[in-house]
């Protein structure tokens, strides 16, 4: 049966089709005969209690030079879509949170939203991992520069980052006694007004920051190790890391088994875990990536697996 599918995402004109998971979802939906549409957060709204969207119908093709043919945007009832994928990138700011509230209204009016808007509001991607301390490296979250500085002194070599970033932006590596540690902490905490995270530096990062995708809490059997290049310590692909597919280890599967059931219960149907060595560092729920790279390296169809589940078990 043909479905009406909407993907809420960043502008499709600016994506890299070989790496974009939202594009993989659109391709798969179109392949199955579904009617596909895109919108951005500014296209959402509410009128007289009804969630609405300026939705752009389109056709897509796997062509890096001309990957989409848009139609004319139309105002639609958001609750009238069978499937709505919320795929806008962080930051999770006020506009993003308001969008999830509109999507919750659309849920009550008939749409199925992936991932669940309540879960998107509740699960900060940095903090969510800390609900599973048995899986995580030593970590501190604080606004206090002195507490964060003491943590760096305790472990000697740490990674410092904001709670709302993505793609490796504003992530620092700092060692105890460094002369610039104070200014790093002042910058990250905005003088004690914002939370920052400190984690023990994991030297296994040189072997890659592994992205493990979960569908309904179950791991795809391969992950993408994002390996730092040159003098860069960050493995993020957006920071220049190289992606190398690898079969999951026993430890990877153990981590997935620890967190997967709770994520599935919360309606987090597509999730990306970040694992360095033996340790979980983040849980990505907003717009997890690496689907296209894993498909290409291992002959998979991860979007197809997700749609199989969505079509067979809509709850």
C-alpha atoms as a PDB file:
ATOM      1  CA  UNK A   1       0.000   0.000   0.000  1.00  0.00           C
ATOM      2  CA  UNK A   2       1.326   3.410  -0.958  1.00  0.00           C
ATOM      3  CA  UNK A   3       1.934   5.709   2.010  1.00  0.00           C
ATOM      4  CA  UNK A   4       2.326   9.455   2.405  1.00  0.00           C
ATOM      5  CA  UNK A   5       5.854   9.994   3.801  1.00  0.00           C
ATOM      6  CA  UNK A   6       7.354  13.269   5.038  1.00  0.00           C
ATOM      7  CA  UNK A   7      10.980  13.840   6.008  1.00  0.00           C
ATOM      8  CA  UNK A   8      11.646  16.919   8.135  1.00  0.00           C
ATOM      9  CA  UNK A   9      15.288  17.693   7.395  1.00  0.00           C
ATOM     10  CA  UNK A  10      17.832  20.361   6.619  1.00  0.00           C
ATOM     11  CA  UNK A  11      17.628  21.793   3.068  1.00  0.00           C
ATOM     12  CA  UNK A  12      17.861  18.919   0.592  1.00  0.00           C
ATOM     13  CA  UNK A  13      19.681  21.208  -1.849  1.00  0.00           C
ATOM     14  CA  UNK A  14      22.777  21.176   0.388  1.00  0.00           C
ATOM     15  CA  UNK A  15      23.135  17.464   1.230  1.00  0.00           C
ATOM     16  CA  UNK A  16      25.877  15.073   0.137  1.00  0.00           C
ATOM     17  CA  UNK A  17      23.900  12.219  -1.363  1.00  0.00           C
ATOM     18  CA  UNK A  18      26.636   9.627  -0.862  1.00  0.00           C
ATOM     19  CA  UNK A  19      26.578  10.178   2.909  1.00  0.00           C
ATOM     20  CA  UNK A  20      23.087  11.409   3.754  1.00  0.00           C
ATOM     21  CA  UNK A  21      20.858   9.021   5.697  1.00  0.00           C
ATOM     22  CA  UNK A  22      17.752  11.172   5.167  1.00  0.00           C
ATOM     23  CA  UNK A  23      18.330  10.761   1.435  1.00  0.00           C
ATOM     24  CA  UNK A  24      18.608   6.991   1.893  1.00  0.00           C
ATOM     25  CA  UNK A  25      15.181   7.022   3.579  1.00  0.00           C
ATOM     26  CA  UNK A  26      13.687   9.034   0.725  1.00  0.00           C
ATOM     27  CA  UNK A  27      15.180   6.697  -1.884  1.00  0.00           C
ATOM     28  CA  UNK A  28      13.811   3.626  -0.119  1.00  0.00           C
ATOM     29  CA  UNK A  29      10.366   5.145   0.385  1.00  0.00           C
ATOM     30  CA  UNK A  30      10.180   6.045  -3.293  1.00  0.00           C
ATOM     31  CA  UNK A  31      11.396   2.569  -4.308  1.00  0.00           C
ATOM     32  CA  UNK A  32       8.491   1.082  -2.363  1.00  0.00           C
ATOM     33  CA  UNK A  33       5.998   3.263  -4.193  1.00  0.00           C
ATOM     34  CA  UNK A  34       5.354   5.692  -1.348  1.00  0.00           C
ATOM     35  CA  UNK A  35       4.657   9.371  -2.043  1.00  0.00           C
ATOM     36  CA  UNK A  36       7.548  11.359  -0.591  1.00  0.00           C
ATOM     37  CA  UNK A  37       7.721  14.934   0.676  1.00  0.00           C
ATOM     38  CA  UNK A  38      10.271  17.106   2.491  1.00  0.00           C
ATOM     39  CA  UNK A  39       9.998  20.066   4.840  1.00  0.00           C
ATOM     40  CA  UNK A  40      12.161  22.027   7.257  1.00  0.00           C
ATOM     41  CA  UNK A  41      11.437  23.085  10.806  1.00  0.00           C
ATOM     42  CA  UNK A  42      10.294  26.559   9.624  1.00  0.00           C
ATOM     43  CA  UNK A  43       7.643  24.825   7.469  1.00  0.00           C
ATOM     44  CA  UNK A  44       5.816  23.395  10.504  1.00  0.00           C
ATOM     45  CA  UNK A  45       2.977  25.177  12.278  1.00  0.00           C
ATOM     46  CA  UNK A  46      -0.377  24.929  14.042  1.00  0.00           C
ATOM     47  CA  UNK A  47      -3.651  26.412  12.862  1.00  0.00           C
ATOM     48  CA  UNK A  48      -6.787  26.239  14.997  1.00  0.00           C
ATOM     49  CA  UNK A  49      -5.365  23.301  16.918  1.00  0.00           C
ATOM     50  CA  UNK A  50      -4.359  21.348  13.821  1.00  0.00           C
ATOM     51  CA  UNK A  51      -0.689  20.615  13.096  1.00  0.00           C
ATOM     52  CA  UNK A  52       0.164  21.775   9.578  1.00  0.00           C
ATOM     53  CA  UNK A  53       3.176  21.747   7.268  1.00  0.00           C
ATOM     54  CA  UNK A  54       4.270  23.342   4.018  1.00  0.00           C
ATOM     55  CA  UNK A  55       5.291  20.057   2.406  1.00  0.00           C
ATOM     56  CA  UNK A  56       7.230  19.836  -0.860  1.00  0.00           C
ATOM     57  CA  UNK A  57       6.512  16.707  -2.915  1.00  0.00           C
ATOM     58  CA  UNK A  58       9.487  15.446  -4.850  1.00  0.00           C
ATOM     59  CA  UNK A  59      11.175  12.694  -6.768  1.00  0.00           C
ATOM     60  CA  UNK A  60      14.715  11.570  -5.930  1.00  0.00           C
ATOM     61  CA  UNK A  61      17.432   9.727  -7.787  1.00  0.00           C
ATOM     62  CA  UNK A  62      20.843   8.460  -6.766  1.00  0.00           C
ATOM     63  CA  UNK A  63      22.754  11.019  -8.787  1.00  0.00           C
ATOM     64  CA  UNK A  64      25.279  13.352  -7.092  1.00  0.00           C
ATOM     65  CA  UNK A  65      24.695  15.991  -9.761  1.00  0.00           C
ATOM     66  CA  UNK A  66      20.869  16.070  -9.796  1.00  0.00           C
ATOM     67  CA  UNK A  67      19.365  14.165  -6.879  1.00  0.00           C
ATOM     68  CA  UNK A  68      15.936  15.710  -6.456  1.00  0.00           C
ATOM     69  CA  UNK A  69      13.087  17.083  -8.550  1.00  0.00           C
ATOM     70  CA  UNK A  70      10.808  19.169  -6.315  1.00  0.00           C
ATOM     71  CA  UNK A  71       7.163  19.923  -6.886  1.00  0.00           C
ATOM     72  CA  UNK A  72       5.159  22.866  -5.595  1.00  0.00           C
ATOM     73  CA  UNK A  73       4.917  23.181  -1.786  1.00  0.00           C
ATOM     74  CA  UNK A  74       1.427  22.701  -0.384  1.00  0.00           C
ATOM     75  CA  UNK A  75      -0.062  23.279   3.032  1.00  0.00           C
ATOM     76  CA  UNK A  76      -1.018  19.898   4.433  1.00  0.00           C
ATOM     77  CA  UNK A  77      -2.365  18.485   7.677  1.00  0.00           C
ATOM     78  CA  UNK A  78       0.707  17.050   9.380  1.00  0.00           C
ATOM     79  CA  UNK A  79      -1.404  14.352  11.003  1.00  0.00           C
ATOM     80  CA  UNK A  80      -2.441  13.140   7.556  1.00  0.00           C
ATOM     81  CA  UNK A  81       1.003  11.705   6.790  1.00  0.00           C
ATOM     82  CA  UNK A  82       1.385   7.992   7.470  1.00  0.00           C
ATOM     83  CA  UNK A  83       5.060   8.424   8.368  1.00  0.00           C
ATOM     84  CA  UNK A  84       6.963  11.524   9.451  1.00  0.00           C
ATOM     85  CA  UNK A  85      10.729  11.269   9.924  1.00  0.00           C
ATOM     86  CA  UNK A  86      12.188  14.000  12.153  1.00  0.00           C
ATOM     87  CA  UNK A  87      15.732  14.336  10.804  1.00  0.00           C
ATOM     88  CA  UNK A  88      16.797  17.955  11.376  1.00  0.00           C
ATOM     89  CA  UNK A  89      20.319  18.280  12.709  1.00  0.00           C
ATOM     90  CA  UNK A  90      21.105  19.761  16.126  1.00  0.00           C
ATOM     91  CA  UNK A  91      21.391  22.112  17.906  1.00  0.00           C
ATOM     92  CA  UNK A  92      18.347  21.166  19.923  1.00  0.00           C
ATOM     93  CA  UNK A  93      17.371  24.775  20.485  1.00  0.00           C
ATOM     94  CA  UNK A  94      14.012  26.423  21.180  1.00  0.00           C
ATOM     95  CA  UNK A  95      12.885  26.095  17.550  1.00  0.00           C
ATOM     96  CA  UNK A  96      13.742  22.388  17.549  1.00  0.00           C
ATOM     97  CA  UNK A  97      11.870  21.770  20.817  1.00  0.00           C
ATOM     98  CA  UNK A  98       8.843  23.674  19.536  1.00  0.00           C
ATOM     99  CA  UNK A  99       8.946  21.537  16.378  1.00  0.00           C
ATOM    100  CA  UNK A 100       8.824  18.361  18.465  1.00  0.00           C
ATOM    101  CA  UNK A 101       5.772  19.725  20.285  1.00  0.00           C
ATOM    102  CA  UNK A 102       4.054  20.300  16.941  1.00  0.00           C
ATOM    103  CA  UNK A 103       5.020  16.753  15.936  1.00  0.00           C
ATOM    104  CA  UNK A 104       3.535  15.409  19.163  1.00  0.00           C
ATOM    105  CA  UNK A 105       0.288  17.130  18.200  1.00  0.00           C
ATOM    106  CA  UNK A 106       0.538  15.513  14.769  1.00  0.00           C
ATOM    107  CA  UNK A 107       0.930  12.124  16.489  1.00  0.00           C
ATOM    108  CA  UNK A 108      -2.372  12.646  18.287  1.00  0.00           C
ATOM    109  CA  UNK A 109      -3.898  13.573  14.930  1.00  0.00           C
ATOM    110  CA  UNK A 110      -2.834  10.378  13.178  1.00  0.00           C
ATOM    111  CA  UNK A 111       0.822  10.552  12.073  1.00  0.00           C
ATOM    112  CA  UNK A 112       3.527   8.117  13.099  1.00  0.00           C
ATOM    113  CA  UNK A 113       6.694  10.083  13.905  1.00  0.00           C
ATOM    114  CA  UNK A 114      10.194   8.587  13.795  1.00  0.00           C
ATOM    115  CA  UNK A 115      11.829   9.161  16.222  1.00  0.00           C
ATOM    116  CA  UNK A 116       9.175   9.767  18.857  1.00  0.00           C
ATOM    117  CA  UNK A 117       8.982  13.529  19.613  1.00  0.00           C
ATOM    118  CA  UNK A 118       8.758  12.983  23.374  1.00  0.00           C
ATOM    119  CA  UNK A 119      11.948  10.940  23.234  1.00  0.00           C
ATOM    120  CA  UNK A 120      13.671  13.637  21.182  1.00  0.00           C
ATOM    121  CA  UNK A 121      12.798  16.174  23.872  1.00  0.00           C
ATOM    122  CA  UNK A 122      13.868  13.925  26.741  1.00  0.00           C
ATOM    123  CA  UNK A 123      17.121  12.493  25.369  1.00  0.00           C
ATOM    124  CA  UNK A 124      19.997  14.926  25.062  1.00  0.00           C
ATOM    125  CA  UNK A 125      22.509  13.060  22.909  1.00  0.00           C
ATOM    126  CA  UNK A 126      25.380  13.578  25.323  1.00  0.00           C
ATOM    127  CA  UNK A 127      23.440  13.036  28.554  1.00  0.00           C
ATOM    128  CA  UNK A 128      21.402  10.052  27.330  1.00  0.00           C
ATOM    129  CA  UNK A 129      24.432   7.771  27.379  1.00  0.00           C
ATOM    130  CA  UNK A 130      24.974   8.506  31.072  1.00  0.00           C
ATOM    131  CA  UNK A 131      21.782   6.594  31.910  1.00  0.00           C
ATOM    132  CA  UNK A 132      23.951   3.518  31.229  1.00  0.00           C
ATOM    133  CA  UNK A 133      27.034   4.201  33.396  1.00  0.00           C
ATOM    134  CA  UNK A 134      28.216   0.607  33.063  1.00  0.00           C
ATOM    135  CA  UNK A 135      28.855   1.352  29.378  1.00  0.00           C
ATOM    136  CA  UNK A 136      30.530   4.763  29.704  1.00  0.00           C
ATOM    137  CA  UNK A 137      34.034   6.058  30.446  1.00  0.00           C
ATOM    138  CA  UNK A 138      34.573   8.335  33.479  1.00  0.00           C
ATOM    139  CA  UNK A 139      32.467  11.424  32.811  1.00  0.00           C
ATOM    140  CA  UNK A 140      31.555  14.681  34.536  1.00  0.00           C
ATOM    141  CA  UNK A 141      28.861  17.171  33.554  1.00  0.00           C
ATOM    142  CA  UNK A 142      29.031  20.534  35.293  1.00  0.00           C
ATOM    143  CA  UNK A 143      28.769  24.308  34.907  1.00  0.00           C
ATOM    144  CA  UNK A 144      31.588  24.804  37.401  1.00  0.00           C
ATOM    145  CA  UNK A 145      35.014  25.490  35.959  1.00  0.00           C
ATOM    146  CA  UNK A 146      36.746  24.326  39.167  1.00  0.00           C
ATOM    147  CA  UNK A 147      34.969  20.954  39.152  1.00  0.00           C
ATOM    148  CA  UNK A 148      35.771  20.356  35.493  1.00  0.00           C
ATOM    149  CA  UNK A 149      39.378  21.404  36.033  1.00  0.00           C
ATOM    150  CA  UNK A 150      39.694  18.985  38.973  1.00  0.00           C
ATOM    151  CA  UNK A 151      38.326  16.205  36.753  1.00  0.00           C
ATOM    152  CA  UNK A 152      41.005  16.922  34.136  1.00  0.00           C
ATOM    153  CA  UNK A 153      43.647  16.878  36.889  1.00  0.00           C
ATOM    154  CA  UNK A 154      42.336  13.532  38.152  1.00  0.00           C
ATOM    155  CA  UNK A 155      42.504  11.778  34.782  1.00  0.00           C
ATOM    156  CA  UNK A 156      45.330  13.755  33.192  1.00  0.00           C
ATOM    157  CA  UNK A 157      44.036  13.712  29.615  1.00  0.00           C
ATOM    158  CA  UNK A 158      40.396  14.518  28.808  1.00  0.00           C
ATOM    159  CA  UNK A 159      37.963  15.490  26.091  1.00  0.00           C
ATOM    160  CA  UNK A 160      35.780  18.533  26.808  1.00  0.00           C
ATOM    161  CA  UNK A 161      32.607  19.326  24.868  1.00  0.00           C
ATOM    162  CA  UNK A 162      29.301  21.211  24.979  1.00  0.00           C
ATOM    163  CA  UNK A 163      26.057  19.298  25.458  1.00  0.00           C
ATOM    164  CA  UNK A 164      24.355  20.531  22.299  1.00  0.00           C
ATOM    165  CA  UNK A 165      26.965  20.233  19.561  1.00  0.00           C
ATOM    166  CA  UNK A 166      27.344  17.836  16.652  1.00  0.00           C
ATOM    167  CA  UNK A 167      29.868  16.869  14.009  1.00  0.00           C
ATOM    168  CA  UNK A 168      32.813  17.361  16.352  1.00  0.00           C
ATOM    169  CA  UNK A 169      32.290  21.108  16.712  1.00  0.00           C
ATOM    170  CA  UNK A 170      33.686  22.801  19.850  1.00  0.00           C
ATOM    171  CA  UNK A 171      35.284  19.589  21.143  1.00  0.00           C
ATOM    172  CA  UNK A 172      38.624  20.073  22.896  1.00  0.00           C
ATOM    173  CA  UNK A 173      41.311  17.711  24.095  1.00  0.00           C
ATOM    174  CA  UNK A 174      43.036  19.052  27.202  1.00  0.00           C
ATOM    175  CA  UNK A 175      45.695  17.774  29.595  1.00  0.00           C
ATOM    176  CA  UNK A 176      46.198  18.632  33.233  1.00  0.00           C
ATOM    177  CA  UNK A 177      48.304  21.758  33.709  1.00  0.00           C
ATOM    178  CA  UNK A 178      47.772  23.165  30.217  1.00  0.00           C
ATOM    179  CA  UNK A 179      47.911  26.941  30.185  1.00  0.00           C
ATOM    180  CA  UNK A 180      44.814  27.265  27.998  1.00  0.00           C
ATOM    181  CA  UNK A 181      42.581  24.981  30.105  1.00  0.00           C
ATOM    182  CA  UNK A 182      40.977  27.885  31.951  1.00  0.00           C
ATOM    183  CA  UNK A 183      39.925  29.671  28.777  1.00  0.00           C
ATOM    184  CA  UNK A 184      38.588  26.418  27.269  1.00  0.00           C
ATOM    185  CA  UNK A 185      36.407  25.871  30.319  1.00  0.00           C
ATOM    186  CA  UNK A 186      35.303  29.505  30.446  1.00  0.00           C
ATOM    187  CA  UNK A 187      34.335  29.280  26.771  1.00  0.00           C
ATOM    188  CA  UNK A 188      32.448  25.993  27.048  1.00  0.00           C
ATOM    189  CA  UNK A 189      30.552  26.984  30.196  1.00  0.00           C
ATOM    190  CA  UNK A 190      30.063  30.606  29.113  1.00  0.00           C
ATOM    191  CA  UNK A 191      31.488  31.719  32.403  1.00  0.00           C
ATOM    192  CA  UNK A 192      29.580  29.170  34.467  1.00  0.00           C
ATOM    193  CA  UNK A 193      26.164  29.625  32.788  1.00  0.00           C
ATOM    194  CA  UNK A 194      26.165  26.512  30.561  1.00  0.00           C
ATOM    195  CA  UNK A 195      26.817  22.820  31.201  1.00  0.00           C
ATOM    196  CA  UNK A 196      29.859  21.156  29.688  1.00  0.00           C
ATOM    197  CA  UNK A 197      30.952  17.524  29.623  1.00  0.00           C
ATOM    198  CA  UNK A 198      34.390  16.175  30.483  1.00  0.00           C
ATOM    199  CA  UNK A 199      35.314  12.595  29.642  1.00  0.00           C
ATOM    200  CA  UNK A 200      38.508  10.682  30.141  1.00  0.00           C
ATOM    201  CA  UNK A 201      40.423  10.658  26.865  1.00  0.00           C
ATOM    202  CA  UNK A 202      40.271   7.248  25.221  1.00  0.00           C
ATOM    203  CA  UNK A 203      43.450   6.500  23.250  1.00  0.00           C
ATOM    204  CA  UNK A 204      41.513   3.892  21.249  1.00  0.00           C
ATOM    205  CA  UNK A 205      40.158   6.833  19.242  1.00  0.00           C
ATOM    206  CA  UNK A 206      43.117   6.341  16.884  1.00  0.00           C
ATOM    207  CA  UNK A 207      41.380   3.112  15.797  1.00  0.00           C
ATOM    208  CA  UNK A 208      38.114   4.949  15.210  1.00  0.00           C
ATOM    209  CA  UNK A 209      34.988   6.350  16.803  1.00  0.00           C
ATOM    210  CA  UNK A 210      32.541   3.620  15.833  1.00  0.00           C
ATOM    211  CA  UNK A 211      28.966   4.427  14.813  1.00  0.00           C
ATOM    212  CA  UNK A 212      26.587   1.552  15.536  1.00  0.00           C
ATOM    213  CA  UNK A 213      23.065   1.857  14.154  1.00  0.00           C
ATOM    214  CA  UNK A 214      20.121   0.374  16.062  1.00  0.00           C
ATOM    215  CA  UNK A 215      16.730  -0.331  14.496  1.00  0.00           C
ATOM    216  CA  UNK A 216      14.037  -0.849  17.129  1.00  0.00           C
ATOM    217  CA  UNK A 217      16.833  -1.439  19.638  1.00  0.00           C
ATOM    218  CA  UNK A 218      18.623  -4.123  17.585  1.00  0.00           C
ATOM    219  CA  UNK A 219      22.062  -3.435  16.080  1.00  0.00           C
ATOM    220  CA  UNK A 220      22.965  -3.531  12.423  1.00  0.00           C
ATOM    221  CA  UNK A 221      25.751  -6.187  12.298  1.00  0.00           C
ATOM    222  CA  UNK A 222      28.368  -3.707  11.030  1.00  0.00           C
ATOM    223  CA  UNK A 223      29.477  -0.323  12.328  1.00  0.00           C
ATOM    224  CA  UNK A 224      31.377   2.529  10.712  1.00  0.00           C
ATOM    225  CA  UNK A 225      34.667   3.364  12.442  1.00  0.00           C
ATOM    226  CA  UNK A 226      35.381   7.050  11.871  1.00  0.00           C
ATOM    227  CA  UNK A 227      39.151   7.317  12.039  1.00  0.00           C
ATOM    228  CA  UNK A 228      40.965  10.628  12.747  1.00  0.00           C
ATOM    229  CA  UNK A 229      43.293  11.806  10.014  1.00  0.00           C
ATOM    230  CA  UNK A 230      46.560  13.730  10.185  1.00  0.00           C
ATOM    231  CA  UNK A 231      46.982  15.811  13.339  1.00  0.00           C
ATOM    232  CA  UNK A 232      43.240  15.696  14.130  1.00  0.00           C
ATOM    233  CA  UNK A 233      42.082  13.824  17.267  1.00  0.00           C
ATOM    234  CA  UNK A 234      38.385  13.877  16.293  1.00  0.00           C
ATOM    235  CA  UNK A 235      37.047  11.033  14.195  1.00  0.00           C
ATOM    236  CA  UNK A 236      33.839  12.740  13.074  1.00  0.00           C
ATOM    237  CA  UNK A 237      33.348  12.585   9.311  1.00  0.00           C
ATOM    238  CA  UNK A 238      32.433  16.293   9.415  1.00  0.00           C
ATOM    239  CA  UNK A 239      35.866  16.923  10.954  1.00  0.00           C
ATOM    240  CA  UNK A 240      37.661  15.002   8.196  1.00  0.00           C
ATOM    241  CA  UNK A 241      37.598  11.489   9.645  1.00  0.00           C
ATOM    242  CA  UNK A 242      37.812   8.471   7.329  1.00  0.00           C
ATOM    243  CA  UNK A 243      34.967   5.944   7.490  1.00  0.00           C
ATOM    244  CA  UNK A 244      35.871   2.244   7.640  1.00  0.00           C
ATOM    245  CA  UNK A 245      33.209  -0.439   8.058  1.00  0.00           C
ATOM    246  CA  UNK A 246      33.782  -3.201  10.603  1.00  0.00           C
ATOM    247  CA  UNK A 247      31.857  -6.136  11.984  1.00  0.00           C
ATOM    248  CA  UNK A 248      30.567  -5.539  15.505  1.00  0.00           C
ATOM    249  CA  UNK A 249      32.598  -6.993  18.357  1.00  0.00           C
ATOM    250  CA  UNK A 250      31.208  -8.907  21.310  1.00  0.00           C
ATOM    251  CA  UNK A 251      31.585  -5.752  23.420  1.00  0.00           C
ATOM    252  CA  UNK A 252      29.711  -3.679  20.811  1.00  0.00           C
ATOM    253  CA  UNK A 253      26.821  -6.142  20.945  1.00  0.00           C
ATOM    254  CA  UNK A 254      26.869  -6.082  24.749  1.00  0.00           C
ATOM    255  CA  UNK A 255      26.557  -2.284  24.744  1.00  0.00           C
ATOM    256  CA  UNK A 256      23.705  -2.473  22.231  1.00  0.00           C
ATOM    257  CA  UNK A 257      21.939  -5.036  24.435  1.00  0.00           C
ATOM    258  CA  UNK A 258      22.325  -2.766  27.462  1.00  0.00           C
ATOM    259  CA  UNK A 259      20.766   0.301  25.850  1.00  0.00           C
ATOM    260  CA  UNK A 260      18.634  -1.035  22.986  1.00  0.00           C
ATOM    261  CA  UNK A 261      15.521  -2.199  24.889  1.00  0.00           C
ATOM    262  CA  UNK A 262      15.106   1.129  26.691  1.00  0.00           C
ATOM    263  CA  UNK A 263      15.557   3.097  23.472  1.00  0.00           C
ATOM    264  CA  UNK A 264      12.981   0.942  21.682  1.00  0.00           C
ATOM    265  CA  UNK A 265      10.536   1.401  24.572  1.00  0.00           C
ATOM    266  CA  UNK A 266      10.874   5.175  24.188  1.00  0.00           C
ATOM    267  CA  UNK A 267      10.010   5.001  20.484  1.00  0.00           C
ATOM    268  CA  UNK A 268      13.572   5.610  19.295  1.00  0.00           C
ATOM    269  CA  UNK A 269      13.300   3.490  16.169  1.00  0.00           C
ATOM    270  CA  UNK A 270      16.536   4.610  14.474  1.00  0.00           C
ATOM    271  CA  UNK A 271      19.451   5.412  16.768  1.00  0.00           C
ATOM    272  CA  UNK A 272      23.207   5.771  16.401  1.00  0.00           C
ATOM    273  CA  UNK A 273      25.541   4.743  19.218  1.00  0.00           C
ATOM    274  CA  UNK A 274      29.051   6.216  19.339  1.00  0.00           C
ATOM    275  CA  UNK A 275      31.570   3.726  20.749  1.00  0.00           C
ATOM    276  CA  UNK A 276      35.298   4.308  21.259  1.00  0.00           C
ATOM    277  CA  UNK A 277      37.182   1.156  22.225  1.00  0.00           C
ATOM    278  CA  UNK A 278      34.989  -0.540  24.832  1.00  0.00           C
ATOM    279  CA  UNK A 279      33.032   2.564  25.806  1.00  0.00           C
ATOM    280  CA  UNK A 280      29.779   4.253  24.833  1.00  0.00           C
ATOM    281  CA  UNK A 281      30.245   8.017  24.483  1.00  0.00           C
ATOM    282  CA  UNK A 282      27.001   9.288  22.892  1.00  0.00           C
ATOM    283  CA  UNK A 283      23.520   8.179  21.836  1.00  0.00           C
ATOM    284  CA  UNK A 284      22.410   9.946  18.663  1.00  0.00           C
ATOM    285  CA  UNK A 285      18.636  10.184  18.274  1.00  0.00           C
ATOM    286  CA  UNK A 286      18.081  13.354  16.225  1.00  0.00           C
ATOM    287  CA  UNK A 287      19.589  12.474  12.833  1.00  0.00           C
ATOM    288  CA  UNK A 288      21.890   9.422  13.091  1.00  0.00           C
ATOM    289  CA  UNK A 289      24.024   8.931  10.000  1.00  0.00           C
ATOM    290  CA  UNK A 290      26.357   6.390   8.310  1.00  0.00           C
ATOM    291  CA  UNK A 291      23.587   4.358   6.657  1.00  0.00           C
ATOM    292  CA  UNK A 292      24.806   5.073   3.135  1.00  0.00           C
ATOM    293  CA  UNK A 293      28.430   4.238   3.907  1.00  0.00           C
ATOM    294  CA  UNK A 294      27.557   0.901   5.518  1.00  0.00           C
ATOM    295  CA  UNK A 295      25.190   0.013   2.679  1.00  0.00           C
ATOM    296  CA  UNK A 296      27.947   0.689   0.136  1.00  0.00           C
ATOM    297  CA  UNK A 297      30.681  -1.235   1.980  1.00  0.00           C
ATOM    298  CA  UNK A 298      28.658  -4.326   2.915  1.00  0.00           C
ATOM    299  CA  UNK A 299      25.866  -4.531   0.338  1.00  0.00           C
ATOM    300  CA  UNK A 300      23.196  -3.736   2.939  1.00  0.00           C
ATOM    301  CA  UNK A 301      19.877  -1.924   2.700  1.00  0.00           C
ATOM    302  CA  UNK A 302      19.482  -0.506   6.199  1.00  0.00           C
ATOM    303  CA  UNK A 303      16.689   1.861   5.185  1.00  0.00           C
ATOM    304  CA  UNK A 304      14.885  -1.170   3.761  1.00  0.00           C
ATOM    305  CA  UNK A 305      15.238  -2.995   7.074  1.00  0.00           C
ATOM    306  CA  UNK A 306      13.767   0.023   8.875  1.00  0.00           C
ATOM    307  CA  UNK A 307      10.838   0.297   6.465  1.00  0.00           C
ATOM    308  CA  UNK A 308      10.161  -3.440   6.794  1.00  0.00           C
ATOM    309  CA  UNK A 309       9.704  -2.923  10.526  1.00  0.00           C
ATOM    310  CA  UNK A 310       7.694   0.268  10.171  1.00  0.00           C
ATOM    311  CA  UNK A 311       5.323  -1.347   7.701  1.00  0.00           C
ATOM    312  CA  UNK A 312       4.999  -4.597   9.633  1.00  0.00           C
ATOM    313  CA  UNK A 313       4.777  -3.165  13.176  1.00  0.00           C
ATOM    314  CA  UNK A 314       3.514   0.420  13.028  1.00  0.00           C
ATOM    315  CA  UNK A 315       3.273   0.923  16.817  1.00  0.00           C
END
